[in-house]
Amino acid sequence: MDSEQKIRALIDLCQALAGSGLHVGLSDARPAMSVRASLTGDRIWIGIEDDAFVWRRSEKVRYAVGDPAGAAAEITAYLGGRLEVPDDRP
């Protein structure tokens, strides 16, 4: 995959993450993106290797570039538990 194809795939993943409540940013230095549950929370960096989205948790996770919705679901499930829930108590 060339850089343009990687950027397109990352944009597709970004669109799949739209509405998830996660904070997503594209890197301007290389084809990569960051995702985190809150503006001050831990971020994971997602890149592309051998036609797969890759990121690290305790070990490297790989997910097929051809399925951005599936990758978005896995990322959302992982980071979703880290979303800050407001305390509504009086």
Protein backbone atom coordinates (compact mmCIF):
# COMPACT_ATOMS: atom_id res chain seq x y z
CA MET A 1 0.00 0.00 0.00
CA ASP A 2 1.31 3.45 -0.82
CA SER A 3 0.86 6.47 1.47
CA GLU A 4 -2.23 7.73 -0.35
CA GLN A 5 -3.97 4.35 0.05
CA LYS A 6 -3.03 4.25 3.73
CA ILE A 7 -4.44 7.74 4.28
CA ARG A 8 -7.66 6.75 2.51
CA ALA A 9 -7.96 3.64 4.72
CA LEU A 10 -7.37 5.73 7.86
CA ILE A 11 -10.04 8.21 6.74
CA ASP A 12 -12.43 5.28 6.27
CA LEU A 13 -11.64 4.14 9.82
CA CYS A 14 -12.12 7.69 11.10
CA GLN A 15 -15.55 7.81 9.43
CA ALA A 16 -16.43 4.43 10.94
CA LEU A 17 -15.54 5.84 14.38
CA ALA A 18 -17.76 8.91 13.86
CA GLY A 19 -20.37 9.14 16.58
CA SER A 20 -18.55 6.73 18.89
CA GLY A 21 -17.74 9.42 21.44
CA LEU A 22 -14.02 8.78 21.00
CA HIS A 23 -11.54 11.54 20.14
CA VAL A 24 -9.82 10.85 16.82
CA GLY A 25 -6.94 12.70 15.17
CA LEU A 26 -4.95 12.12 12.00
CA SER A 27 -1.19 12.50 12.10
CA ASP A 28 0.29 15.12 9.81
CA ALA A 29 3.74 13.51 9.94
CA ARG A 30 2.91 10.01 8.67
CA PRO A 31 -0.09 7.89 7.72
CA ALA A 32 -1.39 7.22 11.25
CA MET A 33 -4.17 8.26 13.59
CA SER A 34 -4.67 8.54 17.32
CA VAL A 35 -7.77 7.56 19.24
CA ARG A 36 -8.58 8.16 22.89
CA ALA A 37 -11.61 8.09 25.13
CA SER A 38 -11.14 11.62 26.48
CA LEU A 39 -8.98 14.60 25.67
CA THR A 40 -6.74 13.82 28.64
CA GLY A 41 -6.94 10.02 28.42
CA ASP A 42 -4.45 7.49 27.14
CA ARG A 43 -4.21 7.42 23.37
CA ILE A 44 -3.59 4.54 21.05
CA TRP A 45 -1.81 5.10 17.74
CA ILE A 46 -3.11 3.24 14.72
CA GLY A 47 -1.00 2.69 11.64
CA ILE A 48 -1.09 0.33 8.68
CA GLU A 49 1.26 -2.59 8.07
CA ASP A 50 0.79 -5.24 5.38
CA ASP A 51 -2.81 -4.21 4.59
CA ALA A 52 -3.89 -4.29 8.26
CA PHE A 53 -4.66 -1.63 10.84
CA VAL A 54 -2.24 -2.14 13.74
CA TRP A 55 -2.15 -0.80 17.27
CA ARG A 56 -0.79 -1.88 20.61
CA ARG A 57 -2.51 -2.71 23.82
CA SER A 58 -0.49 -5.27 25.79
CA GLU A 59 0.39 -6.81 22.42
CA LYS A 60 0.06 -5.74 18.81
CA VAL A 61 -3.49 -5.96 17.44
CA ARG A 62 -4.08 -6.39 13.71
CA TYR A 63 -7.35 -5.84 11.88
CA ALA A 64 -7.95 -6.05 8.12
CA VAL A 65 -7.95 -2.67 6.33
CA GLY A 66 -10.88 -3.89 4.24
CA ASP A 67 -13.13 -3.87 7.32
CA PRO A 68 -12.93 -0.39 8.90
CA ALA A 69 -16.31 -0.89 10.64
CA GLY A 70 -15.01 -4.03 12.37
CA ALA A 71 -11.80 -2.28 13.40
CA ALA A 72 -13.83 0.68 14.70
CA ALA A 73 -16.03 -1.67 16.76
CA GLU A 74 -12.97 -3.30 18.34
CA ILE A 75 -11.33 0.06 19.09
CA THR A 76 -14.59 1.43 20.52
CA ALA A 77 -15.06 -1.66 22.71
CA TYR A 78 -11.50 -1.35 24.01
CA LEU A 79 -11.60 2.38 24.72
CA GLY A 80 -15.33 2.61 25.42
CA GLY A 81 -14.89 1.43 28.99
CA ARG A 82 -12.58 4.39 29.51
CA LEU A 83 -15.14 7.05 28.57
CA GLU A 84 -15.66 9.55 31.34
CA VAL A 85 -19.19 9.31 32.73
CA PRO A 86 -20.45 12.50 34.37
CA ASP A 87 -21.49 12.26 37.98
CA ASP A 88 -25.18 13.29 38.06
CA ARG A 89 -25.53 13.11 41.83
CA PRO A 90 -26.77 16.32 43.50
